[in-house]
Amino acid sequence: MNSANANARTIFGTPKLPARHATVVLPMLLSILMTCIVSAISTLMSDGIDIGLWLRSWAVSWPIAFPTLLLVLPLVRRATAALVRAPEQA
């Protein structure tokens, strides 16, 4: 194992997680960003700038989006593989 990689740190100074955690970290970050943006736009369109209402709607939508992504991501990967050519090996 590469010692430089073992000592890698995040931008927050904490040690990076092992690669096996990527299957949970990716949908977690994706769901956080997605629900944050969608709930902000929805709140802005319906009620104007209301931070409290936006935070409430985000707090409701994220716990639904994260497990949903965990369940559907494997299906989406398979559907993508069925629609997109595999990259050619050099």
PDB file of N, CA and C in Angstrom:
ATOM      1  N   MET A   1       0.845  -1.176   0.000  1.00  0.00           N
ATOM      2  CA  MET A   1       0.000   0.000   0.000  1.00  0.00           C
ATOM      3  C   MET A   1       0.888   1.236   0.000  1.00  0.00           C
ATOM      4  N   ASN A   2       0.491   2.223  -0.737  1.00  0.00           N
ATOM      5  CA  ASN A   2       1.234   3.460  -0.852  1.00  0.00           C
ATOM      6  C   ASN A   2       1.079   4.265   0.435  1.00  0.00           C
ATOM      7  N   SER A   3       2.206   4.601   1.099  1.00  0.00           N
ATOM      8  CA  SER A   3       2.133   5.312   2.377  1.00  0.00           C
ATOM      9  C   SER A   3       1.564   6.720   2.213  1.00  0.00           C
ATOM     10  N   ALA A   4       1.793   7.357   1.071  1.00  0.00           N
ATOM     11  CA  ALA A   4       1.237   8.697   0.838  1.00  0.00           C
ATOM     12  C   ALA A   4      -0.281   8.623   0.769  1.00  0.00           C
ATOM     13  N   ASN A   5      -0.799   7.567   0.151  1.00  0.00           N
ATOM     14  CA  ASN A   5      -2.239   7.399   0.036  1.00  0.00           C
ATOM     15  C   ASN A   5      -2.857   7.070   1.396  1.00  0.00           C
ATOM     16  N   ALA A   6      -2.150   6.303   2.219  1.00  0.00           N
ATOM     17  CA  ALA A   6      -2.670   5.927   3.534  1.00  0.00           C
ATOM     18  C   ALA A   6      -2.800   7.147   4.444  1.00  0.00           C
ATOM     19  N   ASN A   7      -1.974   8.153   4.252  1.00  0.00           N
ATOM     20  CA  ASN A   7      -2.008   9.349   5.084  1.00  0.00           C
ATOM     21  C   ASN A   7      -2.828  10.476   4.465  1.00  0.00           C
ATOM     22  N   ALA A   8      -3.545  10.199   3.400  1.00  0.00           N
ATOM     23  CA  ALA A   8      -4.321  11.237   2.720  1.00  0.00           C
ATOM     24  C   ALA A   8      -5.389  11.788   3.660  1.00  0.00           C
ATOM     25  N   ARG A   9      -5.589  13.088   3.564  1.00  0.00           N
ATOM     26  CA  ARG A   9      -6.570  13.764   4.419  1.00  0.00           C
ATOM     27  C   ARG A   9      -7.557  14.533   3.548  1.00  0.00           C
ATOM     28  N   THR A  10      -8.750  14.729   4.088  1.00  0.00           N
ATOM     29  CA  THR A  10      -9.764  15.510   3.397  1.00  0.00           C
ATOM     30  C   THR A  10      -9.446  16.997   3.545  1.00  0.00           C
ATOM     31  N   ILE A  11     -10.235  17.839   2.914  1.00  0.00           N
ATOM     32  CA  ILE A  11     -10.028  19.282   3.040  1.00  0.00           C
ATOM     33  C   ILE A  11     -10.308  19.763   4.455  1.00  0.00           C
ATOM     34  N   PHE A  12     -10.994  18.934   5.256  1.00  0.00           N
ATOM     35  CA  PHE A  12     -11.295  19.276   6.646  1.00  0.00           C
ATOM     36  C   PHE A  12     -10.223  18.769   7.599  1.00  0.00           C
ATOM     37  N   GLY A  13      -9.186  18.093   7.071  1.00  0.00           N
ATOM     38  CA  GLY A  13      -8.098  17.594   7.896  1.00  0.00           C
ATOM     39  C   GLY A  13      -8.326  16.213   8.471  1.00  0.00           C
ATOM     40  N   THR A  14      -9.486  15.620   8.200  1.00  0.00           N
ATOM     41  CA  THR A  14      -9.765  14.279   8.702  1.00  0.00           C
ATOM     42  C   THR A  14      -9.226  13.243   7.725  1.00  0.00           C
ATOM     43  N   PRO A  15      -8.909  12.031   8.193  1.00  0.00           N
ATOM     44  CA  PRO A  15      -8.430  11.004   7.274  1.00  0.00           C
ATOM     45  C   PRO A  15      -9.517  10.619   6.266  1.00  0.00           C
ATOM     46  N   LYS A  16      -9.096  10.314   5.055  1.00  0.00           N
ATOM     47  CA  LYS A  16     -10.050   9.884   4.040  1.00  0.00           C
ATOM     48  C   LYS A  16     -10.581   8.495   4.383  1.00  0.00           C
ATOM     49  N   LEU A  17     -11.806   8.235   3.976  1.00  0.00           N
ATOM     50  CA  LEU A  17     -12.426   6.930   4.184  1.00  0.00           C
ATOM     51  C   LEU A  17     -11.835   5.915   3.216  1.00  0.00           C
ATOM     52  N   PRO A  18     -11.884   4.639   3.559  1.00  0.00           N
ATOM     53  CA  PRO A  18     -11.452   3.604   2.607  1.00  0.00           C
ATOM     54  C   PRO A  18     -12.351   3.603   1.364  1.00  0.00           C
ATOM     55  N   ALA A  19     -11.815   3.143   0.254  1.00  0.00           N
ATOM     56  CA  ALA A  19     -12.530   3.149  -1.027  1.00  0.00           C
ATOM     57  C   ALA A  19     -13.840   2.373  -0.967  1.00  0.00           C
ATOM     58  N   ARG A  20     -13.935   1.379  -0.115  1.00  0.00           N
ATOM     59  CA  ARG A  20     -15.163   0.569  -0.054  1.00  0.00           C
ATOM     60  C   ARG A  20     -16.378   1.390   0.384  1.00  0.00           C
ATOM     61  N   HIS A  21     -16.155   2.537   1.003  1.00  0.00           N
ATOM     62  CA  HIS A  21     -17.258   3.391   1.454  1.00  0.00           C
ATOM     63  C   HIS A  21     -17.830   4.263   0.337  1.00  0.00           C
ATOM     64  N   ALA A  22     -17.224   4.247  -0.818  1.00  0.00           N
ATOM     65  CA  ALA A  22     -17.688   5.084  -1.934  1.00  0.00           C
ATOM     66  C   ALA A  22     -19.111   4.742  -2.347  1.00  0.00           C
ATOM     67  N   THR A  23     -19.535   3.492  -2.166  1.00  0.00           N
ATOM     68  CA  THR A  23     -20.895   3.099  -2.564  1.00  0.00           C
ATOM     69  C   THR A  23     -21.966   3.784  -1.715  1.00  0.00           C
ATOM     70  N   VAL A  24     -21.593   4.272  -0.533  1.00  0.00           N
ATOM     71  CA  VAL A  24     -22.538   4.999   0.314  1.00  0.00           C
ATOM     72  C   VAL A  24     -22.270   6.507   0.263  1.00  0.00           C
ATOM     73  N   VAL A  25     -20.997   6.894   0.184  1.00  0.00           N
ATOM     74  CA  VAL A  25     -20.651   8.326   0.184  1.00  0.00           C
ATOM     75  C   VAL A  25     -21.167   9.015  -1.070  1.00  0.00           C
ATOM     76  N   LEU A  26     -21.032   8.388  -2.231  1.00  0.00           N
ATOM     77  CA  LEU A  26     -21.495   9.008  -3.478  1.00  0.00           C
ATOM     78  C   LEU A  26     -22.989   9.316  -3.428  1.00  0.00           C
ATOM     79  N   PRO A  27     -23.872   8.355  -3.139  1.00  0.00           N
ATOM     80  CA  PRO A  27     -25.292   8.713  -3.084  1.00  0.00           C
ATOM     81  C   PRO A  27     -25.628   9.679  -1.950  1.00  0.00           C
ATOM     82  N   MET A  28     -24.866   9.629  -0.855  1.00  0.00           N
ATOM     83  CA  MET A  28     -25.125  10.567   0.235  1.00  0.00           C
ATOM     84  C   MET A  28     -24.853  12.001  -0.226  1.00  0.00           C
ATOM     85  N   LEU A  29     -23.677  12.225  -0.826  1.00  0.00           N
ATOM     86  CA  LEU A  29     -23.345  13.573  -1.302  1.00  0.00           C
ATOM     87  C   LEU A  29     -24.275  14.016  -2.430  1.00  0.00           C
ATOM     88  N   LEU A  30     -24.584  13.104  -3.335  1.00  0.00           N
ATOM     89  CA  LEU A  30     -25.492  13.426  -4.441  1.00  0.00           C
ATOM     90  C   LEU A  30     -26.863  13.807  -3.916  1.00  0.00           C
ATOM     91  N   SER A  31     -27.375  13.060  -2.946  1.00  0.00           N
ATOM     92  CA  SER A  31     -28.703  13.369  -2.415  1.00  0.00           C
ATOM     93  C   SER A  31     -28.703  14.675  -1.633  1.00  0.00           C
ATOM     94  N   ILE A  32     -27.625  14.966  -0.914  1.00  0.00           N
ATOM     95  CA  ILE A  32     -27.543  16.238  -0.182  1.00  0.00           C
ATOM     96  C   ILE A  32     -27.589  17.410  -1.165  1.00  0.00           C
ATOM     97  N   LEU A  33     -26.741  17.361  -2.194  1.00  0.00           N
ATOM     98  CA  LEU A  33     -26.709  18.455  -3.172  1.00  0.00           C
ATOM     99  C   LEU A  33     -28.010  18.559  -3.957  1.00  0.00           C
ATOM    100  N   MET A  34     -28.531  17.422  -4.410  1.00  0.00           N
ATOM    101  CA  MET A  34     -29.740  17.418  -5.220  1.00  0.00           C
ATOM    102  C   MET A  34     -30.936  17.972  -4.444  1.00  0.00           C
ATOM    103  N   THR A  35     -31.154  17.476  -3.234  1.00  0.00           N
ATOM    104  CA  THR A  35     -32.307  17.943  -2.467  1.00  0.00           C
ATOM    105  C   THR A  35     -32.141  19.386  -2.019  1.00  0.00           C
ATOM    106  N   CYS A  36     -30.918  19.792  -1.746  1.00  0.00           N
ATOM    107  CA  CYS A  36     -30.657  21.179  -1.367  1.00  0.00           C
ATOM    108  C   CYS A  36     -31.058  22.122  -2.500  1.00  0.00           C
ATOM    109  N   ILE A  37     -30.616  21.817  -3.703  1.00  0.00           N
ATOM    110  CA  ILE A  37     -30.902  22.669  -4.860  1.00  0.00           C
ATOM    111  C   ILE A  37     -32.385  22.625  -5.224  1.00  0.00           C
ATOM    112  N   VAL A  38     -32.960  21.432  -5.296  1.00  0.00           N
ATOM    113  CA  VAL A  38     -34.360  21.303  -5.706  1.00  0.00           C
ATOM    114  C   VAL A  38     -35.287  21.943  -4.678  1.00  0.00           C
ATOM    115  N   SER A  39     -35.027  21.709  -3.391  1.00  0.00           N
ATOM    116  CA  SER A  39     -35.899  22.312  -2.374  1.00  0.00           C
ATOM    117  C   SER A  39     -35.739  23.832  -2.330  1.00  0.00           C
ATOM    118  N   ALA A  40     -34.526  24.333  -2.591  1.00  0.00           N
ATOM    119  CA  ALA A  40     -34.323  25.779  -2.626  1.00  0.00           C
ATOM    120  C   ALA A  40     -35.088  26.404  -3.790  1.00  0.00           C
ATOM    121  N   ILE A  41     -35.020  25.794  -4.950  1.00  0.00           N
ATOM    122  CA  ILE A  41     -35.742  26.330  -6.115  1.00  0.00           C
ATOM    123  C   ILE A  41     -37.241  26.253  -5.892  1.00  0.00           C
ATOM    124  N   SER A  42     -37.719  25.125  -5.383  1.00  0.00           N
ATOM    125  CA  SER A  42     -39.151  24.957  -5.138  1.00  0.00           C
ATOM    126  C   SER A  42     -39.663  25.969  -4.112  1.00  0.00           C
ATOM    127  N   THR A  43     -38.911  26.145  -3.029  1.00  0.00           N
ATOM    128  CA  THR A  43     -39.307  27.110  -2.002  1.00  0.00           C
ATOM    129  C   THR A  43     -39.284  28.528  -2.551  1.00  0.00           C
ATOM    130  N   LEU A  44     -38.244  28.863  -3.300  1.00  0.00           N
ATOM    131  CA  LEU A  44     -38.132  30.197  -3.885  1.00  0.00           C
ATOM    132  C   LEU A  44     -39.292  30.486  -4.828  1.00  0.00           C
ATOM    133  N   MET A  45     -39.659  29.497  -5.637  1.00  0.00           N
ATOM    134  CA  MET A  45     -40.744  29.693  -6.611  1.00  0.00           C
ATOM    135  C   MET A  45     -42.104  29.824  -5.924  1.00  0.00           C
ATOM    136  N   SER A  46     -42.321  29.088  -4.838  1.00  0.00           N
ATOM    137  CA  SER A  46     -43.649  29.110  -4.221  1.00  0.00           C
ATOM    138  C   SER A  46     -43.796  30.170  -3.128  1.00  0.00           C
ATOM    139  N   ASP A  47     -42.742  30.424  -2.349  1.00  0.00           N
ATOM    140  CA  ASP A  47     -42.875  31.297  -1.194  1.00  0.00           C
ATOM    141  C   ASP A  47     -41.837  32.407  -1.119  1.00  0.00           C
ATOM    142  N   GLY A  48     -41.004  32.552  -2.142  1.00  0.00           N
ATOM    143  CA  GLY A  48     -39.954  33.556  -2.089  1.00  0.00           C
ATOM    144  C   GLY A  48     -38.817  33.086  -1.192  1.00  0.00           C
ATOM    145  N   ILE A  49     -37.990  34.027  -0.787  1.00  0.00           N
ATOM    146  CA  ILE A  49     -36.823  33.680   0.027  1.00  0.00           C
ATOM    147  C   ILE A  49     -37.279  33.505   1.480  1.00  0.00           C
ATOM    148  N   ASP A  50     -37.365  32.247   1.891  1.00  0.00           N
ATOM    149  CA  ASP A  50     -37.757  31.912   3.260  1.00  0.00           C
ATOM    150  C   ASP A  50     -36.839  30.784   3.726  1.00  0.00           C
ATOM    151  N   ILE A  51     -35.756  31.164   4.406  1.00  0.00           N
ATOM    152  CA  ILE A  51     -34.731  30.193   4.807  1.00  0.00           C
ATOM    153  C   ILE A  51     -35.306  29.110   5.718  1.00  0.00           C
ATOM    154  N   GLY A  52     -36.157  29.487   6.647  1.00  0.00           N
ATOM    155  CA  GLY A  52     -36.743  28.505   7.562  1.00  0.00           C
ATOM    156  C   GLY A  52     -37.576  27.468   6.827  1.00  0.00           C
ATOM    157  N   LEU A  53     -38.391  27.933   5.888  1.00  0.00           N
ATOM    158  CA  LEU A  53     -39.225  27.014   5.103  1.00  0.00           C
ATOM    159  C   LEU A  53     -38.357  26.127   4.224  1.00  0.00           C
ATOM    160  N   TRP A  54     -37.310  26.712   3.629  1.00  0.00           N
ATOM    161  CA  TRP A  54     -36.395  25.920   2.806  1.00  0.00           C
ATOM    162  C   TRP A  54     -35.703  24.840   3.632  1.00  0.00           C
ATOM    163  N   LEU A  55     -35.187  25.190   4.805  1.00  0.00           N
ATOM    164  CA  LEU A  55     -34.524  24.200   5.652  1.00  0.00           C
ATOM    165  C   LEU A  55     -35.481  23.088   6.066  1.00  0.00           C
ATOM    166  N   ARG A  56     -36.728  23.441   6.351  1.00  0.00           N
ATOM    167  CA  ARG A  56     -37.726  22.431   6.701  1.00  0.00           C
ATOM    168  C   ARG A  56     -37.989  21.489   5.532  1.00  0.00           C
ATOM    169  N   SER A  57     -38.144  22.058   4.335  1.00  0.00           N
ATOM    170  CA  SER A  57     -38.424  21.206   3.171  1.00  0.00           C
ATOM    171  C   SER A  57     -37.216  20.342   2.824  1.00  0.00           C
ATOM    172  N   TRP A  58     -36.002  20.887   3.005  1.00  0.00           N
ATOM    173  CA  TRP A  58     -34.803  20.083   2.770  1.00  0.00           C
ATOM    174  C   TRP A  58     -34.700  18.957   3.799  1.00  0.00           C
ATOM    175  N   ALA A  59     -35.010  19.262   5.060  1.00  0.00           N
ATOM    176  CA  ALA A  59     -34.935  18.269   6.127  1.00  0.00           C
ATOM    177  C   ALA A  59     -35.923  17.127   5.915  1.00  0.00           C
ATOM    178  N   VAL A  60     -37.012  17.386   5.218  1.00  0.00           N
ATOM    179  CA  VAL A  60     -37.979  16.330   4.906  1.00  0.00           C
ATOM    180  C   VAL A  60     -37.551  15.555   3.659  1.00  0.00           C
ATOM    181  N   SER A  61     -37.027  16.251   2.672  1.00  0.00           N
ATOM    182  CA  SER A  61     -36.719  15.592   1.398  1.00  0.00           C
ATOM    183  C   SER A  61     -35.446  14.764   1.432  1.00  0.00           C
ATOM    184  N   TRP A  62     -34.421  15.177   2.174  1.00  0.00           N
ATOM    185  CA  TRP A  62     -33.170  14.432   2.163  1.00  0.00           C
ATOM    186  C   TRP A  62     -33.291  13.024   2.728  1.00  0.00           C
ATOM    187  N   PRO A  63     -33.958  12.821   3.869  1.00  0.00           N
ATOM    188  CA  PRO A  63     -34.076  11.438   4.373  1.00  0.00           C
ATOM    189  C   PRO A  63     -34.864  10.508   3.441  1.00  0.00           C
ATOM    190  N   ILE A  64     -35.617  11.069   2.540  1.00  0.00           N
ATOM    191  CA  ILE A  64     -36.309  10.247   1.538  1.00  0.00           C
ATOM    192  C   ILE A  64     -35.382   9.993   0.348  1.00  0.00           C
ATOM    193  N   ALA A  65     -34.663  11.020  -0.071  1.00  0.00           N
ATOM    194  CA  ALA A  65     -33.813  10.912  -1.257  1.00  0.00           C
ATOM    195  C   ALA A  65     -32.623   9.979  -1.048  1.00  0.00           C
ATOM    196  N   PHE A  66     -31.987  10.015   0.109  1.00  0.00           N
ATOM    197  CA  PHE A  66     -30.780   9.214   0.334  1.00  0.00           C
ATOM    198  C   PHE A  66     -31.049   7.712   0.231  1.00  0.00           C
ATOM    199  N   PRO A  67     -31.997   7.155   0.977  1.00  0.00           N
ATOM    200  CA  PRO A  67     -32.238   5.716   0.818  1.00  0.00           C
ATOM    201  C   PRO A  67     -32.776   5.353  -0.576  1.00  0.00           C
ATOM    202  N   THR A  68     -33.525   6.292  -1.180  1.00  0.00           N
ATOM    203  CA  THR A  68     -34.010   6.040  -2.542  1.00  0.00           C
ATOM    204  C   THR A  68     -32.835   5.891  -3.495  1.00  0.00           C
ATOM    205  N   LEU A  69     -31.850   6.777  -3.383  1.00  0.00           N
ATOM    206  CA  LEU A  69     -30.661   6.671  -4.232  1.00  0.00           C
ATOM    207  C   LEU A  69     -29.900   5.375  -3.977  1.00  0.00           C
ATOM    208  N   LEU A  70     -29.794   4.981  -2.710  1.00  0.00           N
ATOM    209  CA  LEU A  70     -29.117   3.713  -2.410  1.00  0.00           C
ATOM    210  C   LEU A  70     -29.803   2.541  -3.105  1.00  0.00           C
ATOM    211  N   LEU A  71     -31.123   2.584  -3.188  1.00  0.00           N
ATOM    212  CA  LEU A  71     -31.877   1.499  -3.819  1.00  0.00           C
ATOM    213  C   LEU A  71     -31.833   1.547  -5.342  1.00  0.00           C
ATOM    214  N   VAL A  72     -31.949   2.736  -5.921  1.00  0.00           N
ATOM    215  CA  VAL A  72     -32.078   2.817  -7.376  1.00  0.00           C
ATOM    216  C   VAL A  72     -30.758   2.974  -8.120  1.00  0.00           C
ATOM    217  N   LEU A  73     -29.689   3.362  -7.440  1.00  0.00           N
ATOM    218  CA  LEU A  73     -28.418   3.584  -8.133  1.00  0.00           C
ATOM    219  C   LEU A  73     -27.918   2.346  -8.883  1.00  0.00           C
ATOM    220  N   PRO A  74     -27.986   1.149  -8.305  1.00  0.00           N
ATOM    221  CA  PRO A  74     -27.573  -0.029  -9.089  1.00  0.00           C
ATOM    222  C   PRO A  74     -28.412  -0.225 -10.363  1.00  0.00           C
ATOM    223  N   LEU A  75     -29.703   0.057 -10.271  1.00  0.00           N
ATOM    224  CA  LEU A  75     -30.564  -0.065 -11.459  1.00  0.00           C
ATOM    225  C   LEU A  75     -30.200   0.982 -12.508  1.00  0.00           C
ATOM    226  N   VAL A  76     -29.921   2.189 -12.058  1.00  0.00           N
ATOM    227  CA  VAL A  76     -29.546   3.266 -12.978  1.00  0.00           C
ATOM    228  C   VAL A  76     -28.206   2.942 -13.645  1.00  0.00           C
ATOM    229  N   ARG A  77     -27.264   2.371 -12.899  1.00  0.00           N
ATOM    230  CA  ARG A  77     -25.983   1.979 -13.494  1.00  0.00           C
ATOM    231  C   ARG A  77     -26.179   0.922 -14.569  1.00  0.00           C
ATOM    232  N   ARG A  78     -27.048  -0.053 -14.300  1.00  0.00           N
ATOM    233  CA  ARG A  78     -27.319  -1.094 -15.315  1.00  0.00           C
ATOM    234  C   ARG A  78     -28.009  -0.508 -16.537  1.00  0.00           C
ATOM    235  N   ALA A  79     -28.973   0.379 -16.321  1.00  0.00           N
ATOM    236  CA  ALA A  79     -29.663   1.018 -17.447  1.00  0.00           C
ATOM    237  C   ALA A  79     -28.685   1.852 -18.268  1.00  0.00           C
ATOM    238  N   THR A  80     -27.792   2.551 -17.594  1.00  0.00           N
ATOM    239  CA  THR A  80     -26.776   3.344 -18.292  1.00  0.00           C
ATOM    240  C   THR A  80     -25.868   2.446 -19.109  1.00  0.00           C
ATOM    241  N   ALA A  81     -25.443   1.338 -18.516  1.00  0.00           N
ATOM    242  CA  ALA A  81     -24.575   0.400 -19.245  1.00  0.00           C
ATOM    243  C   ALA A  81     -25.280  -0.177 -20.468  1.00  0.00           C
ATOM    244  N   ALA A  82     -26.603  -0.327 -20.395  1.00  0.00           N
ATOM    245  CA  ALA A  82     -27.351  -0.849 -21.533  1.00  0.00           C
ATOM    246  C   ALA A  82     -27.497   0.186 -22.649  1.00  0.00           C
ATOM    247  N   LEU A  83     -27.372   1.470 -22.318  1.00  0.00           N
ATOM    248  CA  LEU A  83     -27.565   2.538 -23.288  1.00  0.00           C
ATOM    249  C   LEU A  83     -26.280   3.145 -23.820  1.00  0.00           C
ATOM    250  N   VAL A  84     -25.165   2.920 -23.109  1.00  0.00           N
ATOM    251  CA  VAL A  84     -23.899   3.582 -23.457  1.00  0.00           C
ATOM    252  C   VAL A  84     -22.850   2.532 -23.757  1.00  0.00           C
ATOM    253  N   ARG A  85     -22.079   2.755 -24.828  1.00  0.00           N
ATOM    254  CA  ARG A  85     -20.992   1.836 -25.163  1.00  0.00           C
ATOM    255  C   ARG A  85     -19.902   1.883 -24.120  1.00  0.00           C
ATOM    256  N   ALA A  86     -19.318   0.729 -23.823  1.00  0.00           N
ATOM    257  CA  ALA A  86     -18.200   0.673 -22.892  1.00  0.00           C
ATOM    258  C   ALA A  86     -16.989   1.357 -23.532  1.00  0.00           C
ATOM    259  N   PRO A  87     -16.142   2.010 -22.740  1.00  0.00           N
ATOM    260  CA  PRO A  87     -14.958   2.648 -23.311  1.00  0.00           C
ATOM    261  C   PRO A  87     -14.012   1.600 -23.891  1.00  0.00           C
ATOM    262  N   GLU A  88     -13.373   1.948 -24.996  1.00  0.00           N
ATOM    263  CA  GLU A  88     -12.435   1.019 -25.625  1.00  0.00           C
ATOM    264  C   GLU A  88     -11.142   0.989 -24.855  1.00  0.00           C
ATOM    265  N   GLN A  89     -10.605  -0.200 -24.681  1.00  0.00           N
ATOM    266  CA  GLN A  89      -9.347  -0.360 -23.956  1.00  0.00           C
ATOM    267  C   GLN A  89      -8.181   0.002 -24.869  1.00  0.00           C
ATOM    268  N   ALA A  90      -7.204   0.677 -24.337  1.00  0.00           N
ATOM    269  CA  ALA A  90      -6.031   1.101 -25.127  1.00  0.00           C
ATOM    270  C   ALA A  90      -5.074  -0.041 -25.334  1.00  0.00           C
TER     271      ALA A  90
END
